[in-house]
Amino acid sequence: DDISIAEVMLANKQFSDFFGEADAYQTVSGA
């Protein structure tokens, strides 16, 4: 959550991957 959008772009990551990982963490947290 602390990673900025600029860091995501510099890391050459897709926004869908970034938010997909966040959703996955939330899924496991809920479980």
PDB file of all heavy atoms in Angstrom:
ATOM      1  N   ASP A   1       0.818  -1.208   0.000  1.00  0.00           N
ATOM      2  CA  ASP A   1       0.000   0.000   0.000  1.00  0.00           C
ATOM      3  C   ASP A   1       0.853   1.260   0.000  1.00  0.00           C
ATOM      4  O   ASP A   1       0.424   2.321  -0.468  1.00  0.00           O
ATOM      5  CB  ASP A   1      -0.927  -0.022   1.219  1.00  0.00           C
ATOM      6  CG  ASP A   1      -2.104   0.926   1.043  1.00  0.00           C
ATOM      7  OD1 ASP A   1      -2.638   0.973  -0.080  1.00  0.00           O
ATOM      8  OD2 ASP A   1      -2.482   1.595   2.024  1.00  0.00           O
ATOM      9  N   ASP A   2       2.082   1.150   0.541  1.00  0.00           N
ATOM     10  CA  ASP A   2       2.978   2.311   0.617  1.00  0.00           C
ATOM     11  C   ASP A   2       3.698   2.581  -0.700  1.00  0.00           C
ATOM     12  O   ASP A   2       4.328   3.630  -0.867  1.00  0.00           O
ATOM     13  CB  ASP A   2       4.029   2.095   1.716  1.00  0.00           C
ATOM     14  CG  ASP A   2       3.393   2.158   3.103  1.00  0.00           C
ATOM     15  OD1 ASP A   2       2.304   2.757   3.203  1.00  0.00           O
ATOM     16  OD2 ASP A   2       3.972   1.605   4.040  1.00  0.00           O
ATOM     17  N   ILE A   3       3.630   1.650  -1.653  1.00  0.00           N
ATOM     18  CA  ILE A   3       4.314   1.839  -2.940  1.00  0.00           C
ATOM     19  C   ILE A   3       3.551   2.862  -3.777  1.00  0.00           C
ATOM     20  O   ILE A   3       2.345   2.745  -3.958  1.00  0.00           O
ATOM     21  CB  ILE A   3       4.419   0.507  -3.712  1.00  0.00           C
ATOM     22  CG1 ILE A   3       5.248  -0.487  -2.898  1.00  0.00           C
ATOM     23  CG2 ILE A   3       5.028   0.715  -5.086  1.00  0.00           C
ATOM     24  CD1 ILE A   3       5.335  -1.848  -3.531  1.00  0.00           C
ATOM     25  N   SER A   4       4.259   3.852  -4.278  1.00  0.00           N
ATOM     26  CA  SER A   4       3.619   4.900  -5.076  1.00  0.00           C
ATOM     27  C   SER A   4       3.430   4.433  -6.510  1.00  0.00           C
ATOM     28  O   SER A   4       4.022   3.451  -6.963  1.00  0.00           O
ATOM     29  CB  SER A   4       4.472   6.165  -5.060  1.00  0.00           C
ATOM     30  OG  SER A   4       5.709   5.917  -5.725  1.00  0.00           O
ATOM     31  N   ILE A   5       2.581   5.155  -7.234  1.00  0.00           N
ATOM     32  CA  ILE A   5       2.334   4.816  -8.645  1.00  0.00           C
ATOM     33  C   ILE A   5       3.617   4.978  -9.450  1.00  0.00           C
ATOM     34  O   ILE A   5       3.892   4.195 -10.373  1.00  0.00           O
ATOM     35  CB  ILE A   5       1.222   5.720  -9.213  1.00  0.00           C
ATOM     36  CG1 ILE A   5      -0.090   5.407  -8.503  1.00  0.00           C
ATOM     37  CG2 ILE A   5       1.076   5.529 -10.717  1.00  0.00           C
ATOM     38  CD1 ILE A   5      -1.255   6.269  -8.952  1.00  0.00           C
ATOM     39  N   ALA A   6       4.429   5.989  -9.083  1.00  0.00           N
ATOM     40  CA  ALA A   6       5.692   6.195  -9.797  1.00  0.00           C
ATOM     41  C   ALA A   6       6.599   4.987  -9.644  1.00  0.00           C
ATOM     42  O   ALA A   6       7.268   4.551 -10.596  1.00  0.00           O
ATOM     43  CB  ALA A   6       6.395   7.447  -9.268  1.00  0.00           C
ATOM     44  N   GLU A   7       6.624   4.407  -8.425  1.00  0.00           N
ATOM     45  CA  GLU A   7       7.460   3.231  -8.180  1.00  0.00           C
ATOM     46  C   GLU A   7       6.957   2.034  -8.980  1.00  0.00           C
ATOM     47  O   GLU A   7       7.732   1.204  -9.455  1.00  0.00           O
ATOM     48  CB  GLU A   7       7.467   2.900  -6.683  1.00  0.00           C
ATOM     49  CG  GLU A   7       8.276   3.879  -5.854  1.00  0.00           C
ATOM     50  CD  GLU A   7       8.149   3.636  -4.366  1.00  0.00           C
ATOM     51  OE1 GLU A   7       7.032   3.348  -3.902  1.00  0.00           O
ATOM     52  OE2 GLU A   7       9.165   3.719  -3.661  1.00  0.00           O
ATOM     53  N   VAL A   8       5.655   1.950  -9.124  1.00  0.00           N
ATOM     54  CA  VAL A   8       5.097   0.873  -9.931  1.00  0.00           C
ATOM     55  C   VAL A   8       5.549   1.006 -11.378  1.00  0.00           C
ATOM     56  O   VAL A   8       5.939   0.026 -12.026  1.00  0.00           O
ATOM     57  CB  VAL A   8       3.551   0.872  -9.853  1.00  0.00           C
ATOM     58  CG1 VAL A   8       2.959  -0.157 -10.820  1.00  0.00           C
ATOM     59  CG2 VAL A   8       3.086   0.590  -8.437  1.00  0.00           C
ATOM     60  N   MET A   9       5.518   2.249 -11.890  1.00  0.00           N
ATOM     61  CA  MET A   9       5.922   2.494 -13.276  1.00  0.00           C
ATOM     62  C   MET A   9       7.407   2.224 -13.459  1.00  0.00           C
ATOM     63  O   MET A   9       7.833   1.627 -14.450  1.00  0.00           O
ATOM     64  CB  MET A   9       5.571   3.930 -13.668  1.00  0.00           C
ATOM     65  CG  MET A   9       4.063   4.199 -13.681  1.00  0.00           C
ATOM     66  SD  MET A   9       3.671   5.912 -14.076  1.00  0.00           S
ATOM     67  CE  MET A   9       4.257   6.011 -15.766  1.00  0.00           C
ATOM     68  N   LEU A  10       8.231   2.656 -12.490  1.00  0.00           N
ATOM     69  CA  LEU A  10       9.676   2.421 -12.581  1.00  0.00           C
ATOM     70  C   LEU A  10      10.009   0.943 -12.514  1.00  0.00           C
ATOM     71  O   LEU A  10      10.985   0.480 -13.103  1.00  0.00           O
ATOM     72  CB  LEU A  10      10.397   3.171 -11.445  1.00  0.00           C
ATOM     73  CG  LEU A  10      10.446   4.708 -11.587  1.00  0.00           C
ATOM     74  CD1 LEU A  10      11.026   5.335 -10.328  1.00  0.00           C
ATOM     75  CD2 LEU A  10      11.307   5.104 -12.808  1.00  0.00           C
ATOM     76  N   ALA A  11       9.210   0.204 -11.784  1.00  0.00           N
ATOM     77  CA  ALA A  11       9.443  -1.234 -11.671  1.00  0.00           C
ATOM     78  C   ALA A  11       8.920  -1.978 -12.890  1.00  0.00           C
ATOM     79  O   ALA A  11       9.028  -3.191 -12.971  1.00  0.00           O
ATOM     80  CB  ALA A  11       8.772  -1.772 -10.421  1.00  0.00           C
ATOM     81  N   ASN A  12       8.330  -1.218 -13.823  1.00  0.00           N
ATOM     82  CA  ASN A  12       7.818  -1.799 -15.074  1.00  0.00           C
ATOM     83  C   ASN A  12       6.761  -2.862 -14.788  1.00  0.00           C
ATOM     84  O   ASN A  12       6.716  -3.913 -15.426  1.00  0.00           O
ATOM     85  CB  ASN A  12       8.964  -2.411 -15.898  1.00  0.00           C
ATOM     86  CG  ASN A  12       8.555  -2.630 -17.351  1.00  0.00           C
ATOM     87  OD1 ASN A  12       7.661  -1.951 -17.868  1.00  0.00           O
ATOM     88  ND2 ASN A  12       9.198  -3.588 -18.001  1.00  0.00           N
ATOM     89  N   LYS A  13       5.893  -2.562 -13.825  1.00  0.00           N
ATOM     90  CA  LYS A  13       4.831  -3.496 -13.476  1.00  0.00           C
ATOM     91  C   LYS A  13       3.509  -2.992 -14.029  1.00  0.00           C
ATOM     92  O   LYS A  13       3.273  -1.786 -14.126  1.00  0.00           O
ATOM     93  CB  LYS A  13       4.712  -3.658 -11.962  1.00  0.00           C
ATOM     94  CG  LYS A  13       5.911  -4.319 -11.320  1.00  0.00           C
ATOM     95  CD  LYS A  13       5.688  -4.572  -9.859  1.00  0.00           C
ATOM     96  CE  LYS A  13       4.620  -5.600  -9.641  1.00  0.00           C
ATOM     97  NZ  LYS A  13       4.459  -5.959  -8.207  1.00  0.00           N
ATOM     98  N   GLN A  14       2.633  -3.894 -14.364  1.00  0.00           N
ATOM     99  CA  GLN A  14       1.297  -3.548 -14.827  1.00  0.00           C
ATOM    100  C   GLN A  14       0.434  -3.146 -13.625  1.00  0.00           C
ATOM    101  O   GLN A  14       0.549  -3.717 -12.544  1.00  0.00           O
ATOM    102  CB  GLN A  14       0.659  -4.746 -15.534  1.00  0.00           C
ATOM    103  CG  GLN A  14       1.374  -5.157 -16.809  1.00  0.00           C
ATOM    104  CD  GLN A  14       1.251  -4.117 -17.914  1.00  0.00           C
ATOM    105  OE1 GLN A  14       0.251  -3.411 -17.987  1.00  0.00           O
ATOM    106  NE2 GLN A  14       2.281  -4.022 -18.746  1.00  0.00           N
ATOM    107  N   PHE A  15      -0.414  -2.146 -13.838  1.00  0.00           N
ATOM    108  CA  PHE A  15      -1.315  -1.734 -12.760  1.00  0.00           C
ATOM    109  C   PHE A  15      -2.214  -2.899 -12.343  1.00  0.00           C
ATOM    110  O   PHE A  15      -2.540  -3.063 -11.170  1.00  0.00           O
ATOM    111  CB  PHE A  15      -2.182  -0.535 -13.200  1.00  0.00           C
ATOM    112  CG  PHE A  15      -1.434   0.754 -13.220  1.00  0.00           C
ATOM    113  CD1 PHE A  15      -1.047   1.322 -14.430  1.00  0.00           C
ATOM    114  CD2 PHE A  15      -1.113   1.396 -12.038  1.00  0.00           C
ATOM    115  CE1 PHE A  15      -0.353   2.518 -14.442  1.00  0.00           C
ATOM    116  CE2 PHE A  15      -0.421   2.599 -12.043  1.00  0.00           C
ATOM    117  CZ  PHE A  15      -0.026   3.168 -13.268  1.00  0.00           C
ATOM    118  N   SER A  16      -2.606  -3.708 -13.325  1.00  0.00           N
ATOM    119  CA  SER A  16      -3.478  -4.834 -13.011  1.00  0.00           C
ATOM    120  C   SER A  16      -2.774  -5.822 -12.086  1.00  0.00           C
ATOM    121  O   SER A  16      -3.393  -6.396 -11.190  1.00  0.00           O
ATOM    122  CB  SER A  16      -3.915  -5.539 -14.295  1.00  0.00           C
ATOM    123  OG  SER A  16      -2.781  -6.019 -15.009  1.00  0.00           O
ATOM    124  N   ASP A  17      -1.459  -6.019 -12.277  1.00  0.00           N
ATOM    125  CA  ASP A  17      -0.699  -6.904 -11.402  1.00  0.00           C
ATOM    126  C   ASP A  17      -0.627  -6.348  -9.990  1.00  0.00           C
ATOM    127  O   ASP A  17      -0.784  -7.064  -9.002  1.00  0.00           O
ATOM    128  CB  ASP A  17       0.717  -7.111 -11.943  1.00  0.00           C
ATOM    129  CG  ASP A  17       0.729  -7.946 -13.206  1.00  0.00           C
ATOM    130  OD1 ASP A  17      -0.287  -8.631 -13.451  1.00  0.00           O
ATOM    131  OD2 ASP A  17       1.724  -7.911 -13.932  1.00  0.00           O
ATOM    132  N   PHE A  18      -0.375  -5.049  -9.890  1.00  0.00           N
ATOM    133  CA  PHE A  18      -0.240  -4.405  -8.583  1.00  0.00           C
ATOM    134  C   PHE A  18      -1.521  -4.517  -7.782  1.00  0.00           C
ATOM    135  O   PHE A  18      -1.532  -4.968  -6.633  1.00  0.00           O
ATOM    136  CB  PHE A  18       0.139  -2.931  -8.784  1.00  0.00           C
ATOM    137  CG  PHE A  18       0.193  -2.143  -7.494  1.00  0.00           C
ATOM    138  CD1 PHE A  18       1.263  -2.295  -6.621  1.00  0.00           C
ATOM    139  CD2 PHE A  18      -0.825  -1.261  -7.167  1.00  0.00           C
ATOM    140  CE1 PHE A  18       1.319  -1.571  -5.438  1.00  0.00           C
ATOM    141  CE2 PHE A  18      -0.770  -0.538  -5.993  1.00  0.00           C
ATOM    142  CZ  PHE A  18       0.303  -0.693  -5.128  1.00  0.00           C
ATOM    143  N   PHE A  19      -2.633  -4.118  -8.419  1.00  0.00           N
ATOM    144  CA  PHE A  19      -3.904  -4.161  -7.701  1.00  0.00           C
ATOM    145  C   PHE A  19      -4.403  -5.601  -7.540  1.00  0.00           C
ATOM    146  O   PHE A  19      -5.110  -5.918  -6.588  1.00  0.00           O
ATOM    147  CB  PHE A  19      -4.945  -3.307  -8.421  1.00  0.00           C
ATOM    148  CG  PHE A  19      -4.667  -1.830  -8.329  1.00  0.00           C
ATOM    149  CD1 PHE A  19      -4.261  -1.120  -9.440  1.00  0.00           C
ATOM    150  CD2 PHE A  19      -4.784  -1.167  -7.112  1.00  0.00           C
ATOM    151  CE1 PHE A  19      -3.995   0.245  -9.353  1.00  0.00           C
ATOM    152  CE2 PHE A  19      -4.509   0.187  -7.013  1.00  0.00           C
ATOM    153  CZ  PHE A  19      -4.103   0.896  -8.136  1.00  0.00           C
ATOM    154  N   GLY A  20      -4.003  -6.457  -8.474  1.00  0.00           N
ATOM    155  CA  GLY A  20      -4.366  -7.871  -8.353  1.00  0.00           C
ATOM    156  C   GLY A  20      -3.718  -8.501  -7.134  1.00  0.00           C
ATOM    157  O   GLY A  20      -4.345  -9.290  -6.417  1.00  0.00           O
ATOM    158  N   GLU A  21      -2.454  -8.145  -6.873  1.00  0.00           N
ATOM    159  CA  GLU A  21      -1.768  -8.657  -5.691  1.00  0.00           C
ATOM    160  C   GLU A  21      -2.426  -8.120  -4.423  1.00  0.00           C
ATOM    161  O   GLU A  21      -2.579  -8.851  -3.432  1.00  0.00           O
ATOM    162  CB  GLU A  21      -0.291  -8.277  -5.731  1.00  0.00           C
ATOM    163  CG  GLU A  21       0.505  -9.024  -6.797  1.00  0.00           C
ATOM    164  CD  GLU A  21       1.969  -8.614  -6.811  1.00  0.00           C
ATOM    165  OE1 GLU A  21       2.369  -7.860  -5.902  1.00  0.00           O
ATOM    166  OE2 GLU A  21       2.699  -9.054  -7.706  1.00  0.00           O
ATOM    167  N   ALA A  22      -2.825  -6.858  -4.452  1.00  0.00           N
ATOM    168  CA  ALA A  22      -3.494  -6.268  -3.282  1.00  0.00           C
ATOM    169  C   ALA A  22      -4.806  -6.995  -3.004  1.00  0.00           C
ATOM    170  O   ALA A  22      -5.144  -7.284  -1.855  1.00  0.00           O
ATOM    171  CB  ALA A  22      -3.743  -4.775  -3.524  1.00  0.00           C
ATOM    172  N   ASP A  23      -5.560  -7.296  -4.073  1.00  0.00           N
ATOM    173  CA  ASP A  23      -6.819  -8.031  -3.901  1.00  0.00           C
ATOM    174  C   ASP A  23      -6.560  -9.420  -3.336  1.00  0.00           C
ATOM    175  O   ASP A  23      -7.318  -9.930  -2.499  1.00  0.00           O
ATOM    176  CB  ASP A  23      -7.548  -8.147  -5.244  1.00  0.00           C
ATOM    177  CG  ASP A  23      -8.124  -6.812  -5.696  1.00  0.00           C
ATOM    178  OD1 ASP A  23      -8.283  -5.917  -4.844  1.00  0.00           O
ATOM    179  OD2 ASP A  23      -8.398  -6.674  -6.902  1.00  0.00           O
ATOM    180  N   ALA A  24      -5.463 -10.033  -3.821  1.00  0.00           N
ATOM    181  CA  ALA A  24      -5.130 -11.377  -3.346  1.00  0.00           C
ATOM    182  C   ALA A  24      -4.793 -11.363  -1.863  1.00  0.00           C
ATOM    183  O   ALA A  24      -5.213 -12.246  -1.114  1.00  0.00           O
ATOM    184  CB  ALA A  24      -3.959 -11.944  -4.149  1.00  0.00           C
ATOM    185  N   TYR A  25      -4.056 -10.348  -1.440  1.00  0.00           N
ATOM    186  CA  TYR A  25      -3.723 -10.237  -0.010  1.00  0.00           C
ATOM    187  C   TYR A  25      -4.987 -10.045   0.819  1.00  0.00           C
ATOM    188  O   TYR A  25      -5.131 -10.620   1.903  1.00  0.00           O
ATOM    189  CB  TYR A  25      -2.759  -9.064   0.223  1.00  0.00           C
ATOM    190  CG  TYR A  25      -1.313  -9.403  -0.031  1.00  0.00           C
ATOM    191  CD1 TYR A  25      -0.606  -8.784  -1.057  1.00  0.00           C
ATOM    192  CD2 TYR A  25      -0.647 -10.340   0.759  1.00  0.00           C
ATOM    193  CE1 TYR A  25       0.724  -9.096  -1.286  1.00  0.00           C
ATOM    194  CE2 TYR A  25       0.679 -10.653   0.535  1.00  0.00           C
ATOM    195  CZ  TYR A  25       1.367 -10.027  -0.502  1.00  0.00           C
ATOM    196  OH  TYR A  25       2.677 -10.352  -0.743  1.00  0.00           O
ATOM    197  N   GLN A  26      -5.899  -9.252   0.316  1.00  0.00           N
ATOM    198  CA  GLN A  26      -7.150  -9.035   1.041  1.00  0.00           C
ATOM    199  C   GLN A  26      -7.978 -10.319   1.128  1.00  0.00           C
ATOM    200  O   GLN A  26      -8.632 -10.591   2.132  1.00  0.00           O
ATOM    201  CB  GLN A  26      -7.964  -7.932   0.350  1.00  0.00           C
ATOM    202  CG  GLN A  26      -7.383  -6.532   0.556  1.00  0.00           C
ATOM    203  CD  GLN A  26      -8.207  -5.472  -0.140  1.00  0.00           C
ATOM    204  OE1 GLN A  26      -8.758  -5.705  -1.219  1.00  0.00           O
ATOM    205  NE2 GLN A  26      -8.289  -4.298   0.458  1.00  0.00           N
ATOM    206  N   THR A  27      -7.913 -11.114   0.064  1.00  0.00           N
ATOM    207  CA  THR A  27      -8.642 -12.393   0.055  1.00  0.00           C
ATOM    208  C   THR A  27      -8.128 -13.323   1.147  1.00  0.00           C
ATOM    209  O   THR A  27      -8.902 -13.925   1.896  1.00  0.00           O
ATOM    210  CB  THR A  27      -8.495 -13.087  -1.319  1.00  0.00           C
ATOM    211  OG1 THR A  27      -9.051 -12.240  -2.324  1.00  0.00           O
ATOM    212  CG2 THR A  27      -9.206 -14.440  -1.323  1.00  0.00           C
ATOM    213  N   VAL A  28      -6.790 -13.449   1.221  1.00  0.00           N
ATOM    214  CA  VAL A  28      -6.203 -14.325   2.234  1.00  0.00           C
ATOM    215  C   VAL A  28      -6.450 -13.769   3.631  1.00  0.00           C
ATOM    216  O   VAL A  28      -6.720 -14.511   4.573  1.00  0.00           O
ATOM    217  CB  VAL A  28      -4.692 -14.512   1.997  1.00  0.00           C
ATOM    218  CG1 VAL A  28      -4.081 -15.350   3.106  1.00  0.00           C
ATOM    219  CG2 VAL A  28      -4.456 -15.187   0.663  1.00  0.00           C
ATOM    220  N   SER A  29      -6.387 -12.441   3.773  1.00  0.00           N
ATOM    221  CA  SER A  29      -6.645 -11.820   5.067  1.00  0.00           C
ATOM    222  C   SER A  29      -8.054 -12.146   5.545  1.00  0.00           C
ATOM    223  O   SER A  29      -8.274 -12.507   6.703  1.00  0.00           O
ATOM    224  CB  SER A  29      -6.466 -10.301   4.959  1.00  0.00           C
ATOM    225  OG  SER A  29      -6.841  -9.668   6.167  1.00  0.00           O
ATOM    226  N   GLY A  30      -9.016 -12.053   4.620  1.00  0.00           N
ATOM    227  CA  GLY A  30     -10.390 -12.385   4.972  1.00  0.00           C
ATOM    228  C   GLY A  30     -10.536 -13.849   5.343  1.00  0.00           C
ATOM    229  O   GLY A  30     -11.243 -14.192   6.292  1.00  0.00           O
ATOM    230  N   ALA A  31      -9.849 -14.726   4.598  1.00  0.00           N
ATOM    231  CA  ALA A  31      -9.915 -16.159   4.884  1.00  0.00           C
ATOM    232  C   ALA A  31      -9.325 -16.467   6.256  1.00  0.00           C
ATOM    233  O   ALA A  31      -9.849 -17.307   7.004  1.00  0.00           O
ATOM    234  CB  ALA A  31      -9.168 -16.940   3.805  1.00  0.00           C
TER     235      ALA A  31
END
